[in-house]
């Protein structure tokens, strides 16, 4: 038969608690990464849809990684570029 001392049981408890803590932290990290990727994909699709609608009206516009730049034509009182940052 195996004989365990209190010290052995305490060490086992510490090891198991550390393993569970590391696993939970890893799960939270993966969940946060997936949420961030979903939000980025959503922002990208919405900004591309807005950019298409702007271009359909004949307004020069371009998409950047950090936002959308729209050049307002003179007939709309413009002649300037407006940059709309992303998140």
C-alpha atoms as a PDB file:
ATOM      1  CA  UNK A   1       0.000   0.000   0.000  1.00  0.00           C
ATOM      2  CA  UNK A   2       1.084   3.551  -0.640  1.00  0.00           C
ATOM      3  CA  UNK A   3       1.714   5.805   2.303  1.00  0.00           C
ATOM      4  CA  UNK A   4       1.387   9.541   1.813  1.00  0.00           C
ATOM      5  CA  UNK A   5       2.399  12.126   4.331  1.00  0.00           C
ATOM      6  CA  UNK A   6       0.586  15.419   4.839  1.00  0.00           C
ATOM      7  CA  UNK A   7       3.523  17.130   3.098  1.00  0.00           C
ATOM      8  CA  UNK A   8       3.030  14.948  -0.013  1.00  0.00           C
ATOM      9  CA  UNK A   9      -0.663  15.808  -0.144  1.00  0.00           C
ATOM     10  CA  UNK A  10       0.075  19.529   0.259  1.00  0.00           C
ATOM     11  CA  UNK A  11       2.628  19.436  -2.583  1.00  0.00           C
ATOM     12  CA  UNK A  12       0.139  17.617  -4.773  1.00  0.00           C
ATOM     13  CA  UNK A  13      -2.479  20.251  -3.951  1.00  0.00           C
ATOM     14  CA  UNK A  14      -0.061  23.047  -4.929  1.00  0.00           C
ATOM     15  CA  UNK A  15       0.844  21.362  -8.213  1.00  0.00           C
ATOM     16  CA  UNK A  16      -2.800  20.725  -9.134  1.00  0.00           C
ATOM     17  CA  UNK A  17      -3.798  24.298  -8.199  1.00  0.00           C
ATOM     18  CA  UNK A  18      -1.003  25.739 -10.371  1.00  0.00           C
ATOM     19  CA  UNK A  19      -1.974  23.515 -13.284  1.00  0.00           C
ATOM     20  CA  UNK A  20      -5.628  24.608 -13.030  1.00  0.00           C
ATOM     21  CA  UNK A  21      -4.618  28.288 -12.762  1.00  0.00           C
ATOM     22  CA  UNK A  22      -2.433  28.032 -15.864  1.00  0.00           C
ATOM     23  CA  UNK A  23      -5.165  26.248 -17.800  1.00  0.00           C
ATOM     24  CA  UNK A  24      -7.770  28.878 -16.842  1.00  0.00           C
ATOM     25  CA  UNK A  25      -5.424  31.713 -17.825  1.00  0.00           C
ATOM     26  CA  UNK A  26      -4.771  30.070 -21.178  1.00  0.00           C
ATOM     27  CA  UNK A  27      -8.507  29.673 -21.815  1.00  0.00           C
ATOM     28  CA  UNK A  28      -9.131  33.347 -20.988  1.00  0.00           C
ATOM     29  CA  UNK A  29      -6.288  34.411 -23.269  1.00  0.00           C
ATOM     30  CA  UNK A  30      -7.611  32.370 -26.197  1.00  0.00           C
ATOM     31  CA  UNK A  31     -11.164  33.669 -25.620  1.00  0.00           C
ATOM     32  CA  UNK A  32      -9.932  37.291 -25.594  1.00  0.00           C
ATOM     33  CA  UNK A  33      -7.944  36.733 -28.788  1.00  0.00           C
ATOM     34  CA  UNK A  34     -10.958  35.241 -30.578  1.00  0.00           C
ATOM     35  CA  UNK A  35     -13.180  38.136 -29.434  1.00  0.00           C
ATOM     36  CA  UNK A  36     -10.644  40.662 -30.704  1.00  0.00           C
ATOM     37  CA  UNK A  37     -10.431  38.885 -34.068  1.00  0.00           C
ATOM     38  CA  UNK A  38     -14.252  38.924 -34.389  1.00  0.00           C
ATOM     39  CA  UNK A  39     -14.376  42.637 -33.574  1.00  0.00           C
ATOM     40  CA  UNK A  40     -11.629  43.377 -36.104  1.00  0.00           C
ATOM     41  CA  UNK A  41     -13.407  41.385 -38.808  1.00  0.00           C
ATOM     42  CA  UNK A  42     -16.683  43.168 -38.028  1.00  0.00           C
ATOM     43  CA  UNK A  43     -15.058  46.617 -38.183  1.00  0.00           C
ATOM     44  CA  UNK A  44     -13.295  45.727 -41.427  1.00  0.00           C
ATOM     45  CA  UNK A  45     -16.488  44.499 -43.101  1.00  0.00           C
ATOM     46  CA  UNK A  46     -18.476  47.542 -41.959  1.00  0.00           C
ATOM     47  CA  UNK A  47     -15.795  49.983 -43.068  1.00  0.00           C
ATOM     48  CA  UNK A  48     -15.526  48.272 -46.461  1.00  0.00           C
ATOM     49  CA  UNK A  49     -19.323  48.493 -46.863  1.00  0.00           C
ATOM     50  CA  UNK A  50     -19.252  52.190 -45.965  1.00  0.00           C
ATOM     51  CA  UNK A  51     -16.355  52.745 -48.341  1.00  0.00           C
ATOM     52  CA  UNK A  52     -18.268  51.059 -51.177  1.00  0.00           C
ATOM     53  CA  UNK A  53     -21.301  53.261 -50.504  1.00  0.00           C
ATOM     54  CA  UNK A  54     -19.122  56.383 -50.514  1.00  0.00           C
ATOM     55  CA  UNK A  55     -17.381  55.374 -53.734  1.00  0.00           C
ATOM     56  CA  UNK A  56     -20.758  54.590 -55.345  1.00  0.00           C
ATOM     57  CA  UNK A  57     -21.619  58.289 -54.958  1.00  0.00           C
ATOM     58  CA  UNK A  58     -18.459  59.188 -56.862  1.00  0.00           C
ATOM     59  CA  UNK A  59     -16.537  60.484 -53.855  1.00  0.00           C
ATOM     60  CA  UNK A  60     -12.839  59.584 -53.777  1.00  0.00           C
ATOM     61  CA  UNK A  61     -12.172  57.477 -50.690  1.00  0.00           C
ATOM     62  CA  UNK A  62      -9.580  54.966 -49.580  1.00  0.00           C
ATOM     63  CA  UNK A  63      -9.326  52.430 -46.788  1.00  0.00           C
ATOM     64  CA  UNK A  64      -6.321  52.216 -44.499  1.00  0.00           C
ATOM     65  CA  UNK A  65      -5.535  49.773 -41.763  1.00  0.00           C
ATOM     66  CA  UNK A  66      -6.259  52.445 -39.146  1.00  0.00           C
ATOM     67  CA  UNK A  67      -9.337  54.017 -40.728  1.00  0.00           C
ATOM     68  CA  UNK A  68     -11.032  55.459 -43.801  1.00  0.00           C
ATOM     69  CA  UNK A  69      -9.919  58.626 -45.596  1.00  0.00           C
ATOM     70  CA  UNK A  70     -12.575  60.467 -47.599  1.00  0.00           C
ATOM     71  CA  UNK A  71     -11.809  63.392 -49.889  1.00  0.00           C
ATOM     72  CA  UNK A  72     -14.842  65.675 -49.893  1.00  0.00           C
ATOM     73  CA  UNK A  73     -15.442  67.126 -53.373  1.00  0.00           C
ATOM     74  CA  UNK A  74     -15.893  70.862 -53.965  1.00  0.00           C
ATOM     75  CA  UNK A  75     -19.574  70.531 -54.874  1.00  0.00           C
ATOM     76  CA  UNK A  76     -20.228  69.305 -51.334  1.00  0.00           C
ATOM     77  CA  UNK A  77     -18.377  72.289 -49.864  1.00  0.00           C
ATOM     78  CA  UNK A  78     -15.183  70.346 -49.501  1.00  0.00           C
ATOM     79  CA  UNK A  79     -11.850  70.152 -51.149  1.00  0.00           C
ATOM     80  CA  UNK A  80     -10.394  68.579 -48.034  1.00  0.00           C
ATOM     81  CA  UNK A  81      -9.705  65.076 -46.775  1.00  0.00           C
ATOM     82  CA  UNK A  82     -11.444  63.719 -43.717  1.00  0.00           C
ATOM     83  CA  UNK A  83      -9.851  60.757 -41.964  1.00  0.00           C
ATOM     84  CA  UNK A  84     -12.184  58.611 -39.883  1.00  0.00           C
ATOM     85  CA  UNK A  85     -10.108  56.486 -37.489  1.00  0.00           C
ATOM     86  CA  UNK A  86     -11.018  52.932 -36.662  1.00  0.00           C
ATOM     87  CA  UNK A  87     -11.453  51.606 -33.177  1.00  0.00           C
END
